[in-house]
């Protein structure tokens, strides 16, 4: 009887140990299930601020999960001590412990996956913000480069050209937003971001916008140069016309001199006038040649302006 009593006492002690283990294992199971529900949340934030808030909360969760791994290790040590001591329920305890360890591994996997998704979400929202800023910058500069103002005269045109050269130089020093968006896109693609396809599509949009801006700048530069040639032609033609009208006034002078001295003076002046008219003729021919070149180079409405200068 004493032997049976001793054996029963031993089993009762083992039973107490087992129940204590199962109680604590159940608590661990409940805690990990609760955290798994949080870690499996698929809301990664609709914007950059929300994603950052979720990420901060998740970092706290990740710290708690890693800390709780020590509790599972403690239960594993408890289970191993029972098994080593030949506990009558050793097989069930071992199976329960294996289940807990698998559960912890699953929780850690969920936690790591959510952290990655949240980090990706935050980075994507950051990129999309930089994309929008870069796109707005491109559109703002495209509006400037697409200007159709060519000045009311040659001096005004020169001022426009000077301002446009300043714009082009400033463009090279103010393209941080475009460069930053490009750099971030390259990083996301290199990291294998889950939204790589979307990022590449956005970058194609930016690249197309940049190329369009360059084309607009080239076109505007050429058109300003062309407008400069036309304005210069009109100015030169106007000056020559003014001189011709001045000479016409001299030719209409009916004073033929009242004496020898006056006639000789008038003849001398007339000789100078003829030489000046010859020089004007050369300038008129040059203007005609320039008009032909400009009409060929700038057809359409601009050609009308040139012909008006010829007339």
C-alpha atoms as a PDB file:
ATOM      1  CA  UNK A   1       0.000   0.000   0.000  1.00  0.00           C
ATOM      2  CA  UNK A   2       2.812   2.365   0.830  1.00  0.00           C
ATOM      3  CA  UNK A   3       4.322   1.750  -2.590  1.00  0.00           C
ATOM      4  CA  UNK A   4       0.973   2.437  -4.275  1.00  0.00           C
ATOM      5  CA  UNK A   5       0.511   5.547  -2.165  1.00  0.00           C
ATOM      6  CA  UNK A   6       3.963   6.774  -3.139  1.00  0.00           C
ATOM      7  CA  UNK A   7       3.289   6.096  -6.797  1.00  0.00           C
ATOM      8  CA  UNK A   8      -0.046   7.908  -6.624  1.00  0.00           C
ATOM      9  CA  UNK A   9       1.554  10.871  -4.901  1.00  0.00           C
ATOM     10  CA  UNK A  10       4.144  10.993  -7.673  1.00  0.00           C
ATOM     11  CA  UNK A  11       1.482  10.904 -10.381  1.00  0.00           C
ATOM     12  CA  UNK A  12      -0.576  13.548  -8.594  1.00  0.00           C
ATOM     13  CA  UNK A  13       2.505  15.761  -8.477  1.00  0.00           C
ATOM     14  CA  UNK A  14       3.110  15.145 -12.163  1.00  0.00           C
ATOM     15  CA  UNK A  15      -0.525  15.851 -12.855  1.00  0.00           C
ATOM     16  CA  UNK A  16      -0.239  19.168 -10.997  1.00  0.00           C
ATOM     17  CA  UNK A  17       2.842  20.036 -13.000  1.00  0.00           C
ATOM     18  CA  UNK A  18       1.087  19.088 -16.237  1.00  0.00           C
ATOM     19  CA  UNK A  19      -1.992  21.181 -15.429  1.00  0.00           C
ATOM     20  CA  UNK A  20       0.204  24.128 -14.571  1.00  0.00           C
ATOM     21  CA  UNK A  21       2.023  23.678 -17.884  1.00  0.00           C
ATOM     22  CA  UNK A  22      -1.248  23.343 -19.842  1.00  0.00           C
ATOM     23  CA  UNK A  23      -2.659  26.426 -18.116  1.00  0.00           C
ATOM     24  CA  UNK A  24       0.353  28.502 -19.058  1.00  0.00           C
ATOM     25  CA  UNK A  25       0.421  26.991 -22.556  1.00  0.00           C
ATOM     26  CA  UNK A  26      -3.224  27.989 -23.001  1.00  0.00           C
ATOM     27  CA  UNK A  27      -2.408  31.540 -21.931  1.00  0.00           C
ATOM     28  CA  UNK A  28       0.426  31.585 -24.457  1.00  0.00           C
ATOM     29  CA  UNK A  29      -1.902  30.255 -27.134  1.00  0.00           C
ATOM     30  CA  UNK A  30      -4.502  32.961 -26.413  1.00  0.00           C
ATOM     31  CA  UNK A  31      -1.862  35.729 -26.395  1.00  0.00           C
ATOM     32  CA  UNK A  32      -0.317  34.614 -29.689  1.00  0.00           C
ATOM     33  CA  UNK A  33      -3.722  34.200 -31.351  1.00  0.00           C
ATOM     34  CA  UNK A  34      -4.643  37.731 -30.334  1.00  0.00           C
ATOM     35  CA  UNK A  35      -1.384  39.139 -31.708  1.00  0.00           C
ATOM     36  CA  UNK A  36      -1.712  37.066 -34.872  1.00  0.00           C
ATOM     37  CA  UNK A  37      -5.079  38.724 -35.504  1.00  0.00           C
ATOM     38  CA  UNK A  38      -3.404  42.122 -35.279  1.00  0.00           C
ATOM     39  CA  UNK A  39      -0.410  41.064 -37.386  1.00  0.00           C
ATOM     40  CA  UNK A  40      -2.643  39.665 -40.143  1.00  0.00           C
ATOM     41  CA  UNK A  41      -4.403  43.021 -40.634  1.00  0.00           C
ATOM     42  CA  UNK A  42      -4.133  43.934 -44.319  1.00  0.00           C
ATOM     43  CA  UNK A  43      -4.756  47.668 -43.901  1.00  0.00           C
ATOM     44  CA  UNK A  44      -1.394  49.246 -44.681  1.00  0.00           C
ATOM     45  CA  UNK A  45      -2.453  52.886 -44.642  1.00  0.00           C
ATOM     46  CA  UNK A  46      -4.204  54.989 -47.260  1.00  0.00           C
ATOM     47  CA  UNK A  47      -1.575  57.725 -47.112  1.00  0.00           C
ATOM     48  CA  UNK A  48       1.949  58.418 -45.870  1.00  0.00           C
ATOM     49  CA  UNK A  49       0.914  59.642 -42.404  1.00  0.00           C
ATOM     50  CA  UNK A  50      -1.389  56.691 -41.746  1.00  0.00           C
ATOM     51  CA  UNK A  51       1.228  54.201 -42.924  1.00  0.00           C
ATOM     52  CA  UNK A  52       3.769  55.778 -40.563  1.00  0.00           C
ATOM     53  CA  UNK A  53       1.353  55.558 -37.599  1.00  0.00           C
ATOM     54  CA  UNK A  54       0.615  51.902 -38.363  1.00  0.00           C
ATOM     55  CA  UNK A  55       4.338  51.221 -38.677  1.00  0.00           C
ATOM     56  CA  UNK A  56       5.050  52.767 -35.274  1.00  0.00           C
ATOM     57  CA  UNK A  57       2.361  50.614 -33.658  1.00  0.00           C
ATOM     58  CA  UNK A  58       3.643  47.547 -35.452  1.00  0.00           C
ATOM     59  CA  UNK A  59       7.174  48.114 -34.209  1.00  0.00           C
ATOM     60  CA  UNK A  60       5.797  47.925 -30.669  1.00  0.00           C
ATOM     61  CA  UNK A  61       3.993  44.695 -31.561  1.00  0.00           C
ATOM     62  CA  UNK A  62       7.179  43.220 -33.059  1.00  0.00           C
ATOM     63  CA  UNK A  63       9.099  44.019 -29.877  1.00  0.00           C
ATOM     64  CA  UNK A  64       6.360  42.349 -27.793  1.00  0.00           C
ATOM     65  CA  UNK A  65       6.408  39.239 -29.993  1.00  0.00           C
ATOM     66  CA  UNK A  66      10.170  38.882 -29.764  1.00  0.00           C
ATOM     67  CA  UNK A  67       9.992  39.370 -26.017  1.00  0.00           C
ATOM     68  CA  UNK A  68       7.254  36.754 -25.752  1.00  0.00           C
ATOM     69  CA  UNK A  69       9.494  34.227 -27.478  1.00  0.00           C
ATOM     70  CA  UNK A  70      11.279  33.982 -24.119  1.00  0.00           C
ATOM     71  CA  UNK A  71       8.020  32.806 -22.542  1.00  0.00           C
ATOM     72  CA  UNK A  72       7.672  30.061 -25.147  1.00  0.00           C
ATOM     73  CA  UNK A  73      11.310  29.076 -24.478  1.00  0.00           C
ATOM     74  CA  UNK A  74      10.544  28.893 -20.758  1.00  0.00           C
ATOM     75  CA  UNK A  75       7.604  26.590 -21.458  1.00  0.00           C
ATOM     76  CA  UNK A  76       9.867  24.496 -23.687  1.00  0.00           C
ATOM     77  CA  UNK A  77      12.337  24.090 -20.827  1.00  0.00           C
ATOM     78  CA  UNK A  78       9.472  23.100 -18.538  1.00  0.00           C
ATOM     79  CA  UNK A  79       8.218  20.542 -21.060  1.00  0.00           C
ATOM     80  CA  UNK A  80      11.709  19.080 -21.516  1.00  0.00           C
ATOM     81  CA  UNK A  81      12.153  18.713 -17.764  1.00  0.00           C
ATOM     82  CA  UNK A  82       8.905  16.724 -17.610  1.00  0.00           C
ATOM     83  CA  UNK A  83       9.969  14.526 -20.504  1.00  0.00           C
ATOM     84  CA  UNK A  84      13.397  13.905 -18.959  1.00  0.00           C
ATOM     85  CA  UNK A  85      11.749  13.003 -15.663  1.00  0.00           C
ATOM     86  CA  UNK A  86       9.598  10.342 -17.374  1.00  0.00           C
ATOM     87  CA  UNK A  87       6.338  12.258 -16.938  1.00  0.00           C
ATOM     88  CA  UNK A  88       3.354  10.027 -17.620  1.00  0.00           C
ATOM     89  CA  UNK A  89       1.884  12.661 -20.024  1.00  0.00           C
ATOM     90  CA  UNK A  90       5.202  13.378 -21.732  1.00  0.00           C
ATOM     91  CA  UNK A  91       3.972  12.676 -25.278  1.00  0.00           C
ATOM     92  CA  UNK A  92       0.997  15.039 -24.972  1.00  0.00           C
ATOM     93  CA  UNK A  93       3.128  17.751 -23.366  1.00  0.00           C
ATOM     94  CA  UNK A  94       5.738  17.402 -26.126  1.00  0.00           C
ATOM     95  CA  UNK A  95       3.024  17.679 -28.802  1.00  0.00           C
ATOM     96  CA  UNK A  96       1.531  20.731 -27.091  1.00  0.00           C
ATOM     97  CA  UNK A  97       4.936  22.391 -26.909  1.00  0.00           C
ATOM     98  CA  UNK A  98       5.633  21.666 -30.573  1.00  0.00           C
ATOM     99  CA  UNK A  99       2.309  23.294 -31.460  1.00  0.00           C
ATOM    100  CA  UNK A 100       3.228  26.391 -29.420  1.00  0.00           C
ATOM    101  CA  UNK A 101       6.579  26.690 -31.145  1.00  0.00           C
ATOM    102  CA  UNK A 102       4.947  26.390 -34.561  1.00  0.00           C
ATOM    103  CA  UNK A 103       2.408  28.985 -33.491  1.00  0.00           C
ATOM    104  CA  UNK A 104       5.210  31.354 -32.438  1.00  0.00           C
ATOM    105  CA  UNK A 105       7.004  30.832 -35.740  1.00  0.00           C
ATOM    106  CA  UNK A 106       3.786  31.614 -37.615  1.00  0.00           C
ATOM    107  CA  UNK A 107       3.272  34.748 -35.537  1.00  0.00           C
ATOM    108  CA  UNK A 108       6.837  35.888 -36.199  1.00  0.00           C
ATOM    109  CA  UNK A 109       6.301  35.278 -39.924  1.00  0.00           C
ATOM    110  CA  UNK A 110       3.081  37.293 -39.881  1.00  0.00           C
ATOM    111  CA  UNK A 111       4.787  40.082 -37.958  1.00  0.00           C
ATOM    112  CA  UNK A 112       7.714  40.233 -40.375  1.00  0.00           C
ATOM    113  CA  UNK A 113       5.375  40.176 -43.383  1.00  0.00           C
ATOM    114  CA  UNK A 114       3.220  43.024 -42.020  1.00  0.00           C
ATOM    115  CA  UNK A 115       6.304  45.062 -41.211  1.00  0.00           C
ATOM    116  CA  UNK A 116       7.520  44.640 -44.789  1.00  0.00           C
ATOM    117  CA  UNK A 117       4.121  45.595 -46.207  1.00  0.00           C
ATOM    118  CA  UNK A 118       3.891  48.664 -43.980  1.00  0.00           C
ATOM    119  CA  UNK A 119       7.397  49.761 -44.913  1.00  0.00           C
ATOM    120  CA  UNK A 120       6.551  49.258 -48.582  1.00  0.00           C
ATOM    121  CA  UNK A 121       3.321  51.214 -48.137  1.00  0.00           C
ATOM    122  CA  UNK A 122       5.136  54.114 -46.497  1.00  0.00           C
ATOM    123  CA  UNK A 123       7.812  54.163 -49.212  1.00  0.00           C
ATOM    124  CA  UNK A 124       5.195  53.979 -51.975  1.00  0.00           C
ATOM    125  CA  UNK A 125       3.244  56.903 -50.517  1.00  0.00           C
ATOM    126  CA  UNK A 126       6.488  58.859 -50.205  1.00  0.00           C
ATOM    127  CA  UNK A 127       7.301  58.125 -53.823  1.00  0.00           C
ATOM    128  CA  UNK A 128       3.801  59.049 -55.018  1.00  0.00           C
ATOM    129  CA  UNK A 129       4.103  62.361 -53.157  1.00  0.00           C
ATOM    130  CA  UNK A 130       7.466  63.043 -54.817  1.00  0.00           C
ATOM    131  CA  UNK A 131       5.990  61.966 -58.166  1.00  0.00           C
ATOM    132  CA  UNK A 132       3.134  64.476 -57.811  1.00  0.00           C
ATOM    133  CA  UNK A 133       5.574  67.246 -56.858  1.00  0.00           C
ATOM    134  CA  UNK A 134       7.849  66.431 -59.806  1.00  0.00           C
ATOM    135  CA  UNK A 135       4.903  66.288 -62.196  1.00  0.00           C
ATOM    136  CA  UNK A 136       3.629  69.672 -60.968  1.00  0.00           C
ATOM    137  CA  UNK A 137       7.150  71.093 -61.440  1.00  0.00           C
ATOM    138  CA  UNK A 138       7.271  69.764 -64.992  1.00  0.00           C
ATOM    139  CA  UNK A 139       3.843  71.173 -65.855  1.00  0.00           C
ATOM    140  CA  UNK A 140       4.764  74.562 -64.406  1.00  0.00           C
ATOM    141  CA  UNK A 141       7.895  74.738 -66.543  1.00  0.00           C
ATOM    142  CA  UNK A 142       6.125  73.371 -69.620  1.00  0.00           C
ATOM    143  CA  UNK A 143       3.703  76.304 -69.343  1.00  0.00           C
ATOM    144  CA  UNK A 144       6.648  78.710 -69.439  1.00  0.00           C
ATOM    145  CA  UNK A 145       8.379  76.891 -72.297  1.00  0.00           C
ATOM    146  CA  UNK A 146       5.190  76.842 -74.392  1.00  0.00           C
ATOM    147  CA  UNK A 147       4.807  80.638 -74.364  1.00  0.00           C
ATOM    148  CA  UNK A 148       3.907  82.143 -77.734  1.00  0.00           C
ATOM    149  CA  UNK A 149       5.057  85.664 -76.856  1.00  0.00           C
ATOM    150  CA  UNK A 150       7.736  86.944 -79.242  1.00  0.00           C
ATOM    151  CA  UNK A 151       7.929  90.627 -78.381  1.00  0.00           C
ATOM    152  CA  UNK A 152       6.536  93.758 -80.003  1.00  0.00           C
ATOM    153  CA  UNK A 153       9.917  94.798 -81.374  1.00  0.00           C
ATOM    154  CA  UNK A 154      13.550  93.700 -81.563  1.00  0.00           C
ATOM    155  CA  UNK A 155      14.498  95.159 -78.169  1.00  0.00           C
ATOM    156  CA  UNK A 156      11.538  93.475 -76.490  1.00  0.00           C
ATOM    157  CA  UNK A 157      12.488  90.221 -78.199  1.00  0.00           C
ATOM    158  CA  UNK A 158      16.040  90.484 -76.862  1.00  0.00           C
ATOM    159  CA  UNK A 159      14.629  90.861 -73.347  1.00  0.00           C
ATOM    160  CA  UNK A 160      12.476  87.752 -73.835  1.00  0.00           C
ATOM    161  CA  UNK A 161      15.508  85.812 -75.064  1.00  0.00           C
ATOM    162  CA  UNK A 162      17.546  86.904 -72.073  1.00  0.00           C
ATOM    163  CA  UNK A 163      14.783  85.896 -69.668  1.00  0.00           C
ATOM    164  CA  UNK A 164      14.402  82.515 -71.400  1.00  0.00           C
ATOM    165  CA  UNK A 165      18.139  81.851 -71.102  1.00  0.00           C
ATOM    166  CA  UNK A 166      17.847  82.606 -67.378  1.00  0.00           C
ATOM    167  CA  UNK A 167      14.904  80.208 -67.225  1.00  0.00           C
ATOM    168  CA  UNK A 168      16.956  77.434 -68.869  1.00  0.00           C
ATOM    169  CA  UNK A 169      19.872  77.923 -66.499  1.00  0.00           C
ATOM    170  CA  UNK A 170      17.540  78.018 -63.515  1.00  0.00           C
ATOM    171  CA  UNK A 171      15.900  74.818 -64.700  1.00  0.00           C
ATOM    172  CA  UNK A 172      19.129  72.882 -64.240  1.00  0.00           C
ATOM    173  CA  UNK A 173      19.504  74.074 -60.649  1.00  0.00           C
ATOM    174  CA  UNK A 174      15.856  73.618 -59.643  1.00  0.00           C
ATOM    175  CA  UNK A 175      15.224  70.060 -60.816  1.00  0.00           C
ATOM    176  CA  UNK A 176      15.724  68.472 -57.380  1.00  0.00           C
ATOM    177  CA  UNK A 177      12.120  67.262 -57.276  1.00  0.00           C
ATOM    178  CA  UNK A 178      12.457  65.497 -60.605  1.00  0.00           C
ATOM    179  CA  UNK A 179      15.848  63.999 -59.687  1.00  0.00           C
ATOM    180  CA  UNK A 180      14.626  62.943 -56.238  1.00  0.00           C
ATOM    181  CA  UNK A 181      11.596  61.138 -57.665  1.00  0.00           C
ATOM    182  CA  UNK A 182      13.828  59.337 -60.175  1.00  0.00           C
ATOM    183  CA  UNK A 183      16.310  58.291 -57.493  1.00  0.00           C
ATOM    184  CA  UNK A 184      13.584  56.984 -55.184  1.00  0.00           C
ATOM    185  CA  UNK A 185      11.975  55.024 -58.017  1.00  0.00           C
ATOM    186  CA  UNK A 186      15.301  53.351 -58.796  1.00  0.00           C
ATOM    187  CA  UNK A 187      15.698  52.389 -55.121  1.00  0.00           C
ATOM    188  CA  UNK A 188      12.208  50.880 -54.948  1.00  0.00           C
ATOM    189  CA  UNK A 189      12.766  48.861 -58.113  1.00  0.00           C
ATOM    190  CA  UNK A 190      16.168  47.674 -56.874  1.00  0.00           C
ATOM    191  CA  UNK A 191      14.579  46.587 -53.573  1.00  0.00           C
ATOM    192  CA  UNK A 192      12.009  44.524 -55.461  1.00  0.00           C
ATOM    193  CA  UNK A 193       9.054  46.565 -54.189  1.00  0.00           C
ATOM    194  CA  UNK A 194       5.736  44.775 -54.646  1.00  0.00           C
ATOM    195  CA  UNK A 195       4.419  47.794 -56.609  1.00  0.00           C
ATOM    196  CA  UNK A 196       7.369  47.915 -59.001  1.00  0.00           C
ATOM    197  CA  UNK A 197       5.063  47.872 -62.041  1.00  0.00           C
ATOM    198  CA  UNK A 198       3.176  50.944 -60.782  1.00  0.00           C
ATOM    199  CA  UNK A 199       6.438  52.744 -59.961  1.00  0.00           C
ATOM    200  CA  UNK A 200       7.793  52.061 -63.454  1.00  0.00           C
ATOM    201  CA  UNK A 201       4.563  53.354 -65.017  1.00  0.00           C
ATOM    202  CA  UNK A 202       4.836  56.576 -63.016  1.00  0.00           C
ATOM    203  CA  UNK A 203       8.471  56.968 -63.993  1.00  0.00           C
ATOM    204  CA  UNK A 204       7.541  56.539 -67.643  1.00  0.00           C
ATOM    205  CA  UNK A 205       5.057  59.404 -67.174  1.00  0.00           C
ATOM    206  CA  UNK A 206       7.746  61.608 -65.635  1.00  0.00           C
ATOM    207  CA  UNK A 207      10.252  60.713 -68.329  1.00  0.00           C
ATOM    208  CA  UNK A 208       7.713  61.560 -71.022  1.00  0.00           C
ATOM    209  CA  UNK A 209       7.008  64.876 -69.287  1.00  0.00           C
ATOM    210  CA  UNK A 210      10.718  65.651 -69.063  1.00  0.00           C
ATOM    211  CA  UNK A 211      11.271  64.811 -72.737  1.00  0.00           C
ATOM    212  CA  UNK A 212       8.308  66.992 -73.678  1.00  0.00           C
ATOM    213  CA  UNK A 213       9.776  69.872 -71.668  1.00  0.00           C
ATOM    214  CA  UNK A 214      13.110  69.504 -73.472  1.00  0.00           C
ATOM    215  CA  UNK A 215      11.347  69.539 -76.835  1.00  0.00           C
ATOM    216  CA  UNK A 216       9.376  72.631 -75.813  1.00  0.00           C
ATOM    217  CA  UNK A 217      12.560  74.403 -74.735  1.00  0.00           C
ATOM    218  CA  UNK A 218      14.279  73.568 -78.022  1.00  0.00           C
ATOM    219  CA  UNK A 219      11.252  74.741 -80.003  1.00  0.00           C
ATOM    220  CA  UNK A 220      10.929  77.958 -77.977  1.00  0.00           C
ATOM    221  CA  UNK A 221      14.647  78.676 -78.397  1.00  0.00           C
ATOM    222  CA  UNK A 222      14.414  78.232 -82.166  1.00  0.00           C
ATOM    223  CA  UNK A 223      11.262  80.319 -82.433  1.00  0.00           C
ATOM    224  CA  UNK A 224      12.746  83.140 -80.390  1.00  0.00           C
ATOM    225  CA  UNK A 225      15.793  83.090 -82.652  1.00  0.00           C
ATOM    226  CA  UNK A 226      13.520  83.195 -85.698  1.00  0.00           C
ATOM    227  CA  UNK A 227      11.464  86.006 -84.200  1.00  0.00           C
ATOM    228  CA  UNK A 228      14.723  87.832 -83.529  1.00  0.00           C
ATOM    229  CA  UNK A 229      15.688  87.597 -87.191  1.00  0.00           C
ATOM    230  CA  UNK A 230      12.283  88.860 -88.288  1.00  0.00           C
ATOM    231  CA  UNK A 231      12.243  91.692 -85.748  1.00  0.00           C
ATOM    232  CA  UNK A 232      15.769  92.674 -86.835  1.00  0.00           C
ATOM    233  CA  UNK A 233      14.706  92.580 -90.487  1.00  0.00           C
ATOM    234  CA  UNK A 234      11.693  94.798 -89.760  1.00  0.00           C
ATOM    235  CA  UNK A 235      13.829  97.217 -87.765  1.00  0.00           C
ATOM    236  CA  UNK A 236      16.497  97.400 -90.491  1.00  0.00           C
ATOM    237  CA  UNK A 237      13.833  97.736 -93.183  1.00  0.00           C
ATOM    238  CA  UNK A 238      12.188 100.532 -91.223  1.00  0.00           C
ATOM    239  CA  UNK A 239      15.463 102.375 -90.861  1.00  0.00           C
ATOM    240  CA  UNK A 240      16.195 102.061 -94.583  1.00  0.00           C
ATOM    241  CA  UNK A 241      12.667 103.171 -95.431  1.00  0.00           C
ATOM    242  CA  UNK A 242      13.098 106.239 -93.237  1.00  0.00           C
ATOM    243  CA  UNK A 243      16.314 107.143 -95.004  1.00  0.00           C
ATOM    244  CA  UNK A 244      14.652 106.622 -98.417  1.00  0.00           C
ATOM    245  CA  UNK A 245      11.805 108.922 -97.439  1.00  0.00           C
ATOM    246  CA  UNK A 246      14.350 111.471 -96.267  1.00  0.00           C
ATOM    247  CA  UNK A 247      16.113 111.313 -99.642  1.00  0.00           C
ATOM    248  CA  UNK A 248      12.786 111.586-101.458  1.00  0.00           C
ATOM    249  CA  UNK A 249      12.211 114.876 -99.672  1.00  0.00           C
ATOM    250  CA  UNK A 250      15.561 116.162-100.916  1.00  0.00           C
ATOM    251  CA  UNK A 251      14.775 115.136-104.500  1.00  0.00           C
ATOM    252  CA  UNK A 252      11.525 117.060-104.406  1.00  0.00           C
ATOM    253  CA  UNK A 253      13.361 120.278-103.559  1.00  0.00           C
ATOM    254  CA  UNK A 254      12.622 122.757-106.441  1.00  0.00           C
ATOM    255  CA  UNK A 255      15.485 125.101-105.553  1.00  0.00           C
ATOM    256  CA  UNK A 256      17.800 125.114-108.600  1.00  0.00           C
ATOM    257  CA  UNK A 257      20.033 127.913-107.398  1.00  0.00           C
ATOM    258  CA  UNK A 258      19.989 131.639-108.064  1.00  0.00           C
ATOM    259  CA  UNK A 259      23.615 132.058-108.931  1.00  0.00           C
ATOM    260  CA  UNK A 260      26.739 130.152-109.888  1.00  0.00           C
ATOM    261  CA  UNK A 261      27.832 129.541-106.346  1.00  0.00           C
ATOM    262  CA  UNK A 262      24.458 128.164-105.262  1.00  0.00           C
ATOM    263  CA  UNK A 263      24.202 125.926-108.322  1.00  0.00           C
ATOM    264  CA  UNK A 264      27.679 124.478-107.751  1.00  0.00           C
ATOM    265  CA  UNK A 265      26.779 123.854-104.086  1.00  0.00           C
ATOM    266  CA  UNK A 266      23.553 122.165-105.075  1.00  0.00           C
ATOM    267  CA  UNK A 267      25.396 120.002-107.629  1.00  0.00           C
ATOM    268  CA  UNK A 268      27.880 118.917-104.985  1.00  0.00           C
ATOM    269  CA  UNK A 269      25.052 118.048-102.604  1.00  0.00           C
ATOM    270  CA  UNK A 270      23.284 116.193-105.381  1.00  0.00           C
ATOM    271  CA  UNK A 271      26.403 114.129-106.052  1.00  0.00           C
ATOM    272  CA  UNK A 272      26.548 113.155-102.390  1.00  0.00           C
ATOM    273  CA  UNK A 273      22.847 112.304-102.566  1.00  0.00           C
ATOM    274  CA  UNK A 274      23.376 110.040-105.579  1.00  0.00           C
ATOM    275  CA  UNK A 275      26.171 108.189-103.828  1.00  0.00           C
ATOM    276  CA  UNK A 276      23.963 107.786-100.769  1.00  0.00           C
ATOM    277  CA  UNK A 277      21.112 106.547-102.954  1.00  0.00           C
ATOM    278  CA  UNK A 278      23.456 104.006-104.544  1.00  0.00           C
ATOM    279  CA  UNK A 279      24.454 102.809-101.093  1.00  0.00           C
ATOM    280  CA  UNK A 280      20.779 102.632-100.129  1.00  0.00           C
ATOM    281  CA  UNK A 281      20.132 100.584-103.234  1.00  0.00           C
ATOM    282  CA  UNK A 282      22.734  98.084-102.094  1.00  0.00           C
ATOM    283  CA  UNK A 283      21.094  97.919 -98.666  1.00  0.00           C
ATOM    284  CA  UNK A 284      17.648  97.473-100.236  1.00  0.00           C
ATOM    285  CA  UNK A 285      18.941  94.561-102.345  1.00  0.00           C
ATOM    286  CA  UNK A 286      20.466  92.988 -99.238  1.00  0.00           C
ATOM    287  CA  UNK A 287      17.147  93.397 -97.463  1.00  0.00           C
ATOM    288  CA  UNK A 288      15.367  91.789-100.414  1.00  0.00           C
ATOM    289  CA  UNK A 289      17.753  88.837-100.255  1.00  0.00           C
ATOM    290  CA  UNK A 290      17.262  88.594 -96.488  1.00  0.00           C
ATOM    291  CA  UNK A 291      13.500  88.761 -96.970  1.00  0.00           C
ATOM    292  CA  UNK A 292      13.657  85.843 -99.412  1.00  0.00           C
ATOM    293  CA  UNK A 293      15.710  83.800 -96.971  1.00  0.00           C
ATOM    294  CA  UNK A 294      13.373  84.579 -94.089  1.00  0.00           C
ATOM    295  CA  UNK A 295      10.246  83.784 -96.136  1.00  0.00           C
ATOM    296  CA  UNK A 296      11.727  80.389 -96.964  1.00  0.00           C
ATOM    297  CA  UNK A 297      12.811  79.769 -93.372  1.00  0.00           C
ATOM    298  CA  UNK A 298       9.611  81.025 -91.715  1.00  0.00           C
ATOM    299  CA  UNK A 299       6.622  80.401 -93.988  1.00  0.00           C
ATOM    300  CA  UNK A 300       3.016  81.109 -93.130  1.00  0.00           C
ATOM    301  CA  UNK A 301       1.950  84.011 -90.950  1.00  0.00           C
ATOM    302  CA  UNK A 302       5.537  85.096 -90.366  1.00  0.00           C
ATOM    303  CA  UNK A 303       6.092  85.365 -94.112  1.00  0.00           C
ATOM    304  CA  UNK A 304       3.255  87.896 -94.278  1.00  0.00           C
ATOM    305  CA  UNK A 305       5.106  90.042 -91.741  1.00  0.00           C
ATOM    306  CA  UNK A 306       8.253  89.859 -93.880  1.00  0.00           C
ATOM    307  CA  UNK A 307       6.412  90.844 -97.063  1.00  0.00           C
ATOM    308  CA  UNK A 308       4.883  93.795 -95.233  1.00  0.00           C
ATOM    309  CA  UNK A 309       8.443  94.888 -94.444  1.00  0.00           C
ATOM    310  CA  UNK A 310       9.398  94.572 -98.121  1.00  0.00           C
ATOM    311  CA  UNK A 311       6.478  96.660 -99.230  1.00  0.00           C
END
